[in-house]
């Protein structure tokens, strides 16, 4: 296999030669944003939506993007052509730049990487277990590189035999560290947290797909909602729709529910054809 290539500030180079200076704000202060989408059979999936979010995150973090949308797309296609990884994940990382005082935003560095992506079909078919974790991510509309709490939370999840966590603060649920979350009520309504969460791209597609089949509501979701629901699932670029069978002591079943399965089929057709 040929050496993997990356793009830094518009230049295509071998990944082994890629580097950033230690005075970049992404290293000094953890300041930066990213976005991530996948390719399936060399097709970029939902990348227009991801680019929309990338530019929005950059604007909210006061990070000027030195490239137009079309220039970014050309760079991404150049990277895809160089690496030839049909099933992959592509990340766009925009850093705070080389700051003279270690605090002020400078000219951002743009890094584009591509890695092999394996689909976790076992979890999509059989489901996962979550625990609640007392946290609410600040600045949640931005896809920030700050995953400190997510990493700490994952340690707690693994220690309890769970696969991941869902954030809950003051009995209000928001999201998982790397995914959005949905529940199905006893009346068959699909609900998901509506405010102060990252607007996931797959979440957006699910909300659109579901409206033709179910009643859908984006709103505040409480611990009681979580406990009274009949189904739950998470959504993300890498996880597609992954059923949740257990959250803490609340058990939704031993296999994915009918609403979850129907939405999985709709998303499968949309992504994989």
C-alpha atoms as a PDB file:
ATOM      1  CA  UNK A   1       0.000   0.000   0.000  1.00  0.00           C
ATOM      2  CA  UNK A   2       1.309   3.434  -0.891  1.00  0.00           C
ATOM      3  CA  UNK A   3       2.193   5.862   1.927  1.00  0.00           C
ATOM      4  CA  UNK A   4      -0.774   7.823   3.241  1.00  0.00           C
ATOM      5  CA  UNK A   5      -0.863  11.484   2.234  1.00  0.00           C
ATOM      6  CA  UNK A   6      -2.250  14.476   4.124  1.00  0.00           C
ATOM      7  CA  UNK A   7      -2.781  18.113   3.212  1.00  0.00           C
ATOM      8  CA  UNK A   8      -1.416  20.932   5.360  1.00  0.00           C
ATOM      9  CA  UNK A   9      -2.238  24.469   4.291  1.00  0.00           C
ATOM     10  CA  UNK A  10      -2.943  23.370   0.732  1.00  0.00           C
ATOM     11  CA  UNK A  11       0.164  21.207   0.294  1.00  0.00           C
ATOM     12  CA  UNK A  12      -0.112  17.465  -0.289  1.00  0.00           C
ATOM     13  CA  UNK A  13       2.627  15.659   1.660  1.00  0.00           C
ATOM     14  CA  UNK A  14       3.301  12.192   3.122  1.00  0.00           C
ATOM     15  CA  UNK A  15       1.637  11.790   6.520  1.00  0.00           C
ATOM     16  CA  UNK A  16       4.982  10.790   8.053  1.00  0.00           C
ATOM     17  CA  UNK A  17       6.371  14.225   7.183  1.00  0.00           C
ATOM     18  CA  UNK A  18       3.400  16.207   8.519  1.00  0.00           C
ATOM     19  CA  UNK A  19       3.844  18.414  11.581  1.00  0.00           C
ATOM     20  CA  UNK A  20       2.662  21.538  13.365  1.00  0.00           C
ATOM     21  CA  UNK A  21       4.757  23.924  15.418  1.00  0.00           C
ATOM     22  CA  UNK A  22       4.479  23.661  19.188  1.00  0.00           C
ATOM     23  CA  UNK A  23       3.233  27.264  19.447  1.00  0.00           C
ATOM     24  CA  UNK A  24       0.005  26.519  17.586  1.00  0.00           C
ATOM     25  CA  UNK A  25      -3.022  27.353  19.746  1.00  0.00           C
ATOM     26  CA  UNK A  26      -4.408  23.868  19.134  1.00  0.00           C
ATOM     27  CA  UNK A  27      -1.426  22.551  21.112  1.00  0.00           C
ATOM     28  CA  UNK A  28      -0.929  25.398  23.584  1.00  0.00           C
ATOM     29  CA  UNK A  29      -4.603  25.976  24.469  1.00  0.00           C
ATOM     30  CA  UNK A  30      -6.579  23.246  22.723  1.00  0.00           C
ATOM     31  CA  UNK A  31      -8.157  25.902  20.490  1.00  0.00           C
ATOM     32  CA  UNK A  32      -9.458  24.746  17.132  1.00  0.00           C
ATOM     33  CA  UNK A  33     -12.367  23.203  15.263  1.00  0.00           C
ATOM     34  CA  UNK A  34     -12.815  20.235  12.977  1.00  0.00           C
ATOM     35  CA  UNK A  35     -15.352  18.410  10.896  1.00  0.00           C
ATOM     36  CA  UNK A  36     -15.522  14.835   9.737  1.00  0.00           C
ATOM     37  CA  UNK A  37     -17.339  12.944   7.017  1.00  0.00           C
ATOM     38  CA  UNK A  38     -16.971   9.551   5.412  1.00  0.00           C
ATOM     39  CA  UNK A  39     -16.591   8.176   1.937  1.00  0.00           C
ATOM     40  CA  UNK A  40     -18.378   5.063   0.712  1.00  0.00           C
ATOM     41  CA  UNK A  41     -17.007   3.516  -2.481  1.00  0.00           C
ATOM     42  CA  UNK A  42     -15.109   6.767  -2.995  1.00  0.00           C
ATOM     43  CA  UNK A  43     -18.301   8.834  -2.673  1.00  0.00           C
ATOM     44  CA  UNK A  44     -18.166  11.688  -0.141  1.00  0.00           C
ATOM     45  CA  UNK A  45     -21.243  11.256   2.056  1.00  0.00           C
ATOM     46  CA  UNK A  46     -23.137  14.428   3.068  1.00  0.00           C
ATOM     47  CA  UNK A  47     -19.988  16.547   2.622  1.00  0.00           C
ATOM     48  CA  UNK A  48     -21.969  19.636   1.637  1.00  0.00           C
ATOM     49  CA  UNK A  49     -23.652  19.536   5.062  1.00  0.00           C
ATOM     50  CA  UNK A  50     -20.301  18.999   6.754  1.00  0.00           C
ATOM     51  CA  UNK A  51     -18.754  21.941   4.935  1.00  0.00           C
ATOM     52  CA  UNK A  52     -21.692  24.099   6.022  1.00  0.00           C
ATOM     53  CA  UNK A  53     -20.989  23.157   9.633  1.00  0.00           C
ATOM     54  CA  UNK A  54     -17.228  23.562   9.219  1.00  0.00           C
ATOM     55  CA  UNK A  55     -17.583  27.163   8.064  1.00  0.00           C
ATOM     56  CA  UNK A  56     -20.169  27.861  10.779  1.00  0.00           C
ATOM     57  CA  UNK A  57     -17.903  26.465  13.512  1.00  0.00           C
ATOM     58  CA  UNK A  58     -14.970  28.485  12.187  1.00  0.00           C
ATOM     59  CA  UNK A  59     -17.027  31.675  12.218  1.00  0.00           C
ATOM     60  CA  UNK A  60     -18.257  31.108  15.766  1.00  0.00           C
ATOM     61  CA  UNK A  61     -14.672  30.535  16.926  1.00  0.00           C
ATOM     62  CA  UNK A  62     -13.348  33.585  15.013  1.00  0.00           C
ATOM     63  CA  UNK A  63     -11.114  31.412  12.856  1.00  0.00           C
ATOM     64  CA  UNK A  64     -10.805  32.775   9.309  1.00  0.00           C
ATOM     65  CA  UNK A  65     -10.840  30.073   6.626  1.00  0.00           C
ATOM     66  CA  UNK A  66      -8.275  30.944   3.960  1.00  0.00           C
ATOM     67  CA  UNK A  67      -9.980  28.751   1.354  1.00  0.00           C
ATOM     68  CA  UNK A  68     -13.298  28.986  -0.442  1.00  0.00           C
ATOM     69  CA  UNK A  69     -15.775  26.138  -0.345  1.00  0.00           C
ATOM     70  CA  UNK A  70     -14.816  25.063  -3.875  1.00  0.00           C
ATOM     71  CA  UNK A  71     -11.113  25.209  -3.038  1.00  0.00           C
ATOM     72  CA  UNK A  72     -11.686  22.966  -0.025  1.00  0.00           C
ATOM     73  CA  UNK A  73     -13.599  20.482  -2.145  1.00  0.00           C
ATOM     74  CA  UNK A  74     -10.771  20.397  -4.698  1.00  0.00           C
ATOM     75  CA  UNK A  75      -8.246  19.735  -1.932  1.00  0.00           C
ATOM     76  CA  UNK A  76     -10.404  16.940  -0.518  1.00  0.00           C
ATOM     77  CA  UNK A  77     -10.756  15.303  -3.935  1.00  0.00           C
ATOM     78  CA  UNK A  78      -7.010  15.656  -4.478  1.00  0.00           C
ATOM     79  CA  UNK A  79      -6.380  13.845  -1.197  1.00  0.00           C
ATOM     80  CA  UNK A  80      -8.878  11.121  -2.044  1.00  0.00           C
ATOM     81  CA  UNK A  81      -7.239  10.583  -5.411  1.00  0.00           C
ATOM     82  CA  UNK A  82      -3.777  10.409  -3.851  1.00  0.00           C
ATOM     83  CA  UNK A  83      -4.725   7.928  -1.121  1.00  0.00           C
ATOM     84  CA  UNK A  84      -7.306   5.788  -2.935  1.00  0.00           C
ATOM     85  CA  UNK A  85      -9.117   4.634   0.233  1.00  0.00           C
ATOM     86  CA  UNK A  86     -12.695   3.941  -0.913  1.00  0.00           C
ATOM     87  CA  UNK A  87     -14.114   3.427   2.610  1.00  0.00           C
ATOM     88  CA  UNK A  88     -12.640   6.218   4.676  1.00  0.00           C
ATOM     89  CA  UNK A  89     -13.071   9.024   7.150  1.00  0.00           C
ATOM     90  CA  UNK A  90     -11.915  12.507   6.163  1.00  0.00           C
ATOM     91  CA  UNK A  91     -11.174  15.132   8.799  1.00  0.00           C
ATOM     92  CA  UNK A  92     -10.787  18.875   8.280  1.00  0.00           C
ATOM     93  CA  UNK A  93      -8.934  20.446  11.203  1.00  0.00           C
ATOM     94  CA  UNK A  94      -8.606  24.223  11.587  1.00  0.00           C
ATOM     95  CA  UNK A  95      -6.282  25.331  14.372  1.00  0.00           C
ATOM     96  CA  UNK A  96      -5.855  28.607  16.250  1.00  0.00           C
ATOM     97  CA  UNK A  97      -2.576  29.257  14.456  1.00  0.00           C
ATOM     98  CA  UNK A  98       0.911  30.197  15.627  1.00  0.00           C
ATOM     99  CA  UNK A  99       0.195  32.663  18.391  1.00  0.00           C
ATOM    100  CA  UNK A 100       2.928  35.102  19.456  1.00  0.00           C
ATOM    101  CA  UNK A 101       1.602  35.385  22.992  1.00  0.00           C
ATOM    102  CA  UNK A 102       0.188  31.893  23.336  1.00  0.00           C
ATOM    103  CA  UNK A 103      -3.342  33.261  23.647  1.00  0.00           C
ATOM    104  CA  UNK A 104      -4.324  35.426  20.691  1.00  0.00           C
ATOM    105  CA  UNK A 105      -5.780  33.827  17.557  1.00  0.00           C
ATOM    106  CA  UNK A 106      -3.346  33.882  14.643  1.00  0.00           C
ATOM    107  CA  UNK A 107      -3.567  32.673  11.041  1.00  0.00           C
ATOM    108  CA  UNK A 108      -5.142  29.215  11.312  1.00  0.00           C
ATOM    109  CA  UNK A 109      -3.464  26.092  10.012  1.00  0.00           C
ATOM    110  CA  UNK A 110      -5.647  23.790   7.921  1.00  0.00           C
ATOM    111  CA  UNK A 111      -4.978  20.056   8.109  1.00  0.00           C
ATOM    112  CA  UNK A 112      -6.931  17.525   6.024  1.00  0.00           C
ATOM    113  CA  UNK A 113      -6.447  13.837   6.753  1.00  0.00           C
ATOM    114  CA  UNK A 114      -7.922  10.586   5.463  1.00  0.00           C
ATOM    115  CA  UNK A 115      -7.972   7.248   7.264  1.00  0.00           C
ATOM    116  CA  UNK A 116      -9.460   3.824   6.639  1.00  0.00           C
ATOM    117  CA  UNK A 117     -12.910   3.547   8.230  1.00  0.00           C
ATOM    118  CA  UNK A 118     -14.377   0.224   9.353  1.00  0.00           C
ATOM    119  CA  UNK A 119     -18.121   0.066   9.939  1.00  0.00           C
ATOM    120  CA  UNK A 120     -19.139  -1.471  13.275  1.00  0.00           C
ATOM    121  CA  UNK A 121     -21.970  -3.600  11.920  1.00  0.00           C
ATOM    122  CA  UNK A 122     -22.089  -5.711  15.087  1.00  0.00           C
ATOM    123  CA  UNK A 123     -23.048  -2.761  17.288  1.00  0.00           C
ATOM    124  CA  UNK A 124     -25.493  -1.469  14.659  1.00  0.00           C
ATOM    125  CA  UNK A 125     -27.208  -4.849  14.669  1.00  0.00           C
ATOM    126  CA  UNK A 126     -27.060  -5.820  18.335  1.00  0.00           C
ATOM    127  CA  UNK A 127     -26.979  -2.500  20.194  1.00  0.00           C
ATOM    128  CA  UNK A 128     -24.949  -0.914  22.981  1.00  0.00           C
ATOM    129  CA  UNK A 129     -25.162   0.099  26.632  1.00  0.00           C
ATOM    130  CA  UNK A 130     -24.791   3.677  27.910  1.00  0.00           C
ATOM    131  CA  UNK A 131     -24.521   5.328  31.291  1.00  0.00           C
ATOM    132  CA  UNK A 132     -25.447   8.896  32.142  1.00  0.00           C
ATOM    133  CA  UNK A 133     -22.595  11.254  32.937  1.00  0.00           C
ATOM    134  CA  UNK A 134     -22.987  14.584  34.781  1.00  0.00           C
ATOM    135  CA  UNK A 135     -21.818  17.112  32.215  1.00  0.00           C
ATOM    136  CA  UNK A 136     -23.065  19.568  29.628  1.00  0.00           C
ATOM    137  CA  UNK A 137     -20.703  20.509  26.825  1.00  0.00           C
ATOM    138  CA  UNK A 138     -20.147  24.287  26.556  1.00  0.00           C
ATOM    139  CA  UNK A 139     -20.336  26.039  23.188  1.00  0.00           C
ATOM    140  CA  UNK A 140     -22.128  22.967  21.892  1.00  0.00           C
ATOM    141  CA  UNK A 141     -22.990  24.424  18.483  1.00  0.00           C
ATOM    142  CA  UNK A 142     -19.263  24.330  17.604  1.00  0.00           C
ATOM    143  CA  UNK A 143     -17.462  21.122  16.631  1.00  0.00           C
ATOM    144  CA  UNK A 144     -14.469  21.896  18.809  1.00  0.00           C
ATOM    145  CA  UNK A 145     -11.317  19.810  19.224  1.00  0.00           C
ATOM    146  CA  UNK A 146     -11.842  19.896  23.013  1.00  0.00           C
ATOM    147  CA  UNK A 147     -12.737  16.328  24.000  1.00  0.00           C
ATOM    148  CA  UNK A 148     -11.242  16.325  27.492  1.00  0.00           C
ATOM    149  CA  UNK A 149     -14.487  15.406  29.232  1.00  0.00           C
ATOM    150  CA  UNK A 150     -15.436  12.876  26.578  1.00  0.00           C
ATOM    151  CA  UNK A 151     -12.190  11.004  27.107  1.00  0.00           C
ATOM    152  CA  UNK A 152     -12.623  11.056  30.880  1.00  0.00           C
ATOM    153  CA  UNK A 153     -16.238   9.940  30.553  1.00  0.00           C
ATOM    154  CA  UNK A 154     -15.241   7.006  28.342  1.00  0.00           C
ATOM    155  CA  UNK A 155     -12.946   5.749  31.104  1.00  0.00           C
ATOM    156  CA  UNK A 156     -15.928   5.766  33.467  1.00  0.00           C
ATOM    157  CA  UNK A 157     -18.120   3.970  30.913  1.00  0.00           C
ATOM    158  CA  UNK A 158     -15.583   1.210  30.323  1.00  0.00           C
ATOM    159  CA  UNK A 159     -15.091   0.750  34.067  1.00  0.00           C
ATOM    160  CA  UNK A 160     -18.819   0.039  34.455  1.00  0.00           C
ATOM    161  CA  UNK A 161     -19.078  -2.252  31.441  1.00  0.00           C
ATOM    162  CA  UNK A 162     -20.839   0.326  29.248  1.00  0.00           C
ATOM    163  CA  UNK A 163     -19.913   1.308  25.707  1.00  0.00           C
ATOM    164  CA  UNK A 164     -20.263   5.074  26.082  1.00  0.00           C
ATOM    165  CA  UNK A 165     -21.994   7.847  28.028  1.00  0.00           C
ATOM    166  CA  UNK A 166     -24.822  10.285  27.470  1.00  0.00           C
ATOM    167  CA  UNK A 167     -24.436  13.663  29.133  1.00  0.00           C
ATOM    168  CA  UNK A 168     -27.079  14.616  31.700  1.00  0.00           C
ATOM    169  CA  UNK A 169     -27.074  17.708  33.892  1.00  0.00           C
ATOM    170  CA  UNK A 170     -29.863  18.652  36.317  1.00  0.00           C
ATOM    171  CA  UNK A 171     -31.916  15.734  34.928  1.00  0.00           C
ATOM    172  CA  UNK A 172     -31.748  17.142  31.373  1.00  0.00           C
ATOM    173  CA  UNK A 173     -30.128  14.971  28.712  1.00  0.00           C
ATOM    174  CA  UNK A 174     -28.189  16.445  25.810  1.00  0.00           C
ATOM    175  CA  UNK A 175     -25.873  14.258  23.739  1.00  0.00           C
ATOM    176  CA  UNK A 176     -23.109  11.705  23.742  1.00  0.00           C
ATOM    177  CA  UNK A 177     -19.469  12.797  23.374  1.00  0.00           C
ATOM    178  CA  UNK A 178     -19.397  11.736  19.712  1.00  0.00           C
ATOM    179  CA  UNK A 179     -23.042  11.188  18.811  1.00  0.00           C
ATOM    180  CA  UNK A 180     -26.559  12.537  19.060  1.00  0.00           C
ATOM    181  CA  UNK A 181     -29.270  10.527  20.769  1.00  0.00           C
ATOM    182  CA  UNK A 182     -32.959   9.802  20.121  1.00  0.00           C
ATOM    183  CA  UNK A 183     -35.746   8.127  22.068  1.00  0.00           C
ATOM    184  CA  UNK A 184     -39.104   6.658  21.076  1.00  0.00           C
ATOM    185  CA  UNK A 185     -41.978   7.423  23.453  1.00  0.00           C
ATOM    186  CA  UNK A 186     -44.738   5.018  24.449  1.00  0.00           C
ATOM    187  CA  UNK A 187     -47.001   6.710  21.905  1.00  0.00           C
ATOM    188  CA  UNK A 188     -44.460   6.122  19.108  1.00  0.00           C
ATOM    189  CA  UNK A 189     -43.183   9.682  18.939  1.00  0.00           C
ATOM    190  CA  UNK A 190     -39.527  10.227  18.082  1.00  0.00           C
ATOM    191  CA  UNK A 191     -37.861  12.760  20.385  1.00  0.00           C
ATOM    192  CA  UNK A 192     -34.351  14.210  20.550  1.00  0.00           C
ATOM    193  CA  UNK A 193     -32.773  17.103  22.467  1.00  0.00           C
ATOM    194  CA  UNK A 194     -33.479  20.255  20.497  1.00  0.00           C
ATOM    195  CA  UNK A 195     -31.289  22.965  21.977  1.00  0.00           C
ATOM    196  CA  UNK A 196     -27.674  23.401  22.986  1.00  0.00           C
ATOM    197  CA  UNK A 197     -26.428  20.236  21.274  1.00  0.00           C
ATOM    198  CA  UNK A 198     -24.169  19.743  18.293  1.00  0.00           C
ATOM    199  CA  UNK A 199     -26.305  19.593  15.169  1.00  0.00           C
ATOM    200  CA  UNK A 200     -25.066  16.265  13.856  1.00  0.00           C
ATOM    201  CA  UNK A 201     -25.295  15.641  10.138  1.00  0.00           C
ATOM    202  CA  UNK A 202     -26.788  12.146  10.510  1.00  0.00           C
ATOM    203  CA  UNK A 203     -29.151  13.605  13.136  1.00  0.00           C
ATOM    204  CA  UNK A 204     -30.297  16.100  10.508  1.00  0.00           C
ATOM    205  CA  UNK A 205     -30.895  13.320   7.972  1.00  0.00           C
ATOM    206  CA  UNK A 206     -32.812  11.206  10.501  1.00  0.00           C
ATOM    207  CA  UNK A 207     -35.094  14.117  11.390  1.00  0.00           C
ATOM    208  CA  UNK A 208     -35.863  14.542   7.700  1.00  0.00           C
ATOM    209  CA  UNK A 209     -36.353  10.818   6.976  1.00  0.00           C
ATOM    210  CA  UNK A 210     -38.514  10.234  10.040  1.00  0.00           C
ATOM    211  CA  UNK A 211     -41.049  12.973   9.354  1.00  0.00           C
ATOM    212  CA  UNK A 212     -42.662  10.961   6.628  1.00  0.00           C
ATOM    213  CA  UNK A 213     -43.232   8.020   8.974  1.00  0.00           C
ATOM    214  CA  UNK A 214     -43.423   9.166  12.593  1.00  0.00           C
ATOM    215  CA  UNK A 215     -44.338  12.110  14.734  1.00  0.00           C
ATOM    216  CA  UNK A 216     -41.058  13.900  15.479  1.00  0.00           C
ATOM    217  CA  UNK A 217     -40.257  16.401  18.208  1.00  0.00           C
ATOM    218  CA  UNK A 218     -37.039  18.213  19.080  1.00  0.00           C
ATOM    219  CA  UNK A 219     -37.272  19.486  22.644  1.00  0.00           C
ATOM    220  CA  UNK A 220     -35.908  19.281  26.154  1.00  0.00           C
ATOM    221  CA  UNK A 221     -35.519  15.620  27.155  1.00  0.00           C
ATOM    222  CA  UNK A 222     -35.649  14.752  30.860  1.00  0.00           C
ATOM    223  CA  UNK A 223     -34.579  11.788  32.941  1.00  0.00           C
ATOM    224  CA  UNK A 224     -38.262  10.808  33.133  1.00  0.00           C
ATOM    225  CA  UNK A 225     -38.483  10.838  29.324  1.00  0.00           C
ATOM    226  CA  UNK A 226     -35.438   8.590  29.203  1.00  0.00           C
ATOM    227  CA  UNK A 227     -36.902   6.142  31.706  1.00  0.00           C
ATOM    228  CA  UNK A 228     -40.367   6.058  30.104  1.00  0.00           C
ATOM    229  CA  UNK A 229     -39.167   5.575  26.514  1.00  0.00           C
ATOM    230  CA  UNK A 230     -39.555   2.279  24.678  1.00  0.00           C
ATOM    231  CA  UNK A 231     -36.524   2.610  22.373  1.00  0.00           C
ATOM    232  CA  UNK A 232     -33.316   4.604  22.138  1.00  0.00           C
ATOM    233  CA  UNK A 233     -30.551   4.964  19.575  1.00  0.00           C
ATOM    234  CA  UNK A 234     -27.562   7.150  18.804  1.00  0.00           C
ATOM    235  CA  UNK A 235     -26.530   8.647  15.469  1.00  0.00           C
ATOM    236  CA  UNK A 236     -23.228   9.788  14.000  1.00  0.00           C
ATOM    237  CA  UNK A 237     -21.111   9.599  10.854  1.00  0.00           C
ATOM    238  CA  UNK A 238     -19.233   6.544  12.099  1.00  0.00           C
ATOM    239  CA  UNK A 239     -22.073   4.899  14.029  1.00  0.00           C
ATOM    240  CA  UNK A 240     -24.927   5.491  11.554  1.00  0.00           C
ATOM    241  CA  UNK A 241     -27.913   4.461  13.713  1.00  0.00           C
ATOM    242  CA  UNK A 242     -26.735   2.325  16.620  1.00  0.00           C
ATOM    243  CA  UNK A 243     -29.460   0.978  18.944  1.00  0.00           C
ATOM    244  CA  UNK A 244     -29.188   1.621  22.672  1.00  0.00           C
ATOM    245  CA  UNK A 245     -30.533  -1.265  24.742  1.00  0.00           C
ATOM    246  CA  UNK A 246     -29.682   0.017  28.228  1.00  0.00           C
ATOM    247  CA  UNK A 247     -29.038   3.392  29.890  1.00  0.00           C
ATOM    248  CA  UNK A 248     -28.108   3.065  33.564  1.00  0.00           C
ATOM    249  CA  UNK A 249     -30.886   0.868  34.995  1.00  0.00           C
ATOM    250  CA  UNK A 250     -33.362   1.545  32.177  1.00  0.00           C
ATOM    251  CA  UNK A 251     -33.663  -1.406  29.802  1.00  0.00           C
ATOM    252  CA  UNK A 252     -35.278  -0.885  26.393  1.00  0.00           C
ATOM    253  CA  UNK A 253     -35.089  -4.518  25.302  1.00  0.00           C
ATOM    254  CA  UNK A 254     -32.701  -7.225  24.266  1.00  0.00           C
ATOM    255  CA  UNK A 255     -32.772  -6.267  20.584  1.00  0.00           C
ATOM    256  CA  UNK A 256     -33.407  -3.109  18.529  1.00  0.00           C
ATOM    257  CA  UNK A 257     -37.008  -1.893  18.478  1.00  0.00           C
ATOM    258  CA  UNK A 258     -39.199  -1.580  15.354  1.00  0.00           C
ATOM    259  CA  UNK A 259     -38.835   2.200  14.970  1.00  0.00           C
ATOM    260  CA  UNK A 260     -35.068   1.946  15.247  1.00  0.00           C
ATOM    261  CA  UNK A 261     -34.950  -0.847  12.677  1.00  0.00           C
ATOM    262  CA  UNK A 262     -37.174   1.029  10.212  1.00  0.00           C
ATOM    263  CA  UNK A 263     -35.032   4.147  10.468  1.00  0.00           C
ATOM    264  CA  UNK A 264     -31.893   2.046  10.037  1.00  0.00           C
ATOM    265  CA  UNK A 265     -33.312   0.734   6.776  1.00  0.00           C
ATOM    266  CA  UNK A 266     -34.139   4.242   5.542  1.00  0.00           C
ATOM    267  CA  UNK A 267     -30.675   5.539   6.400  1.00  0.00           C
ATOM    268  CA  UNK A 268     -29.039   2.467   4.865  1.00  0.00           C
ATOM    269  CA  UNK A 269     -30.717   3.204   1.556  1.00  0.00           C
ATOM    270  CA  UNK A 270     -29.777   6.882   1.726  1.00  0.00           C
ATOM    271  CA  UNK A 271     -26.079   6.242   2.414  1.00  0.00           C
ATOM    272  CA  UNK A 272     -25.305   2.895   0.841  1.00  0.00           C
ATOM    273  CA  UNK A 273     -27.941   2.736  -1.895  1.00  0.00           C
END
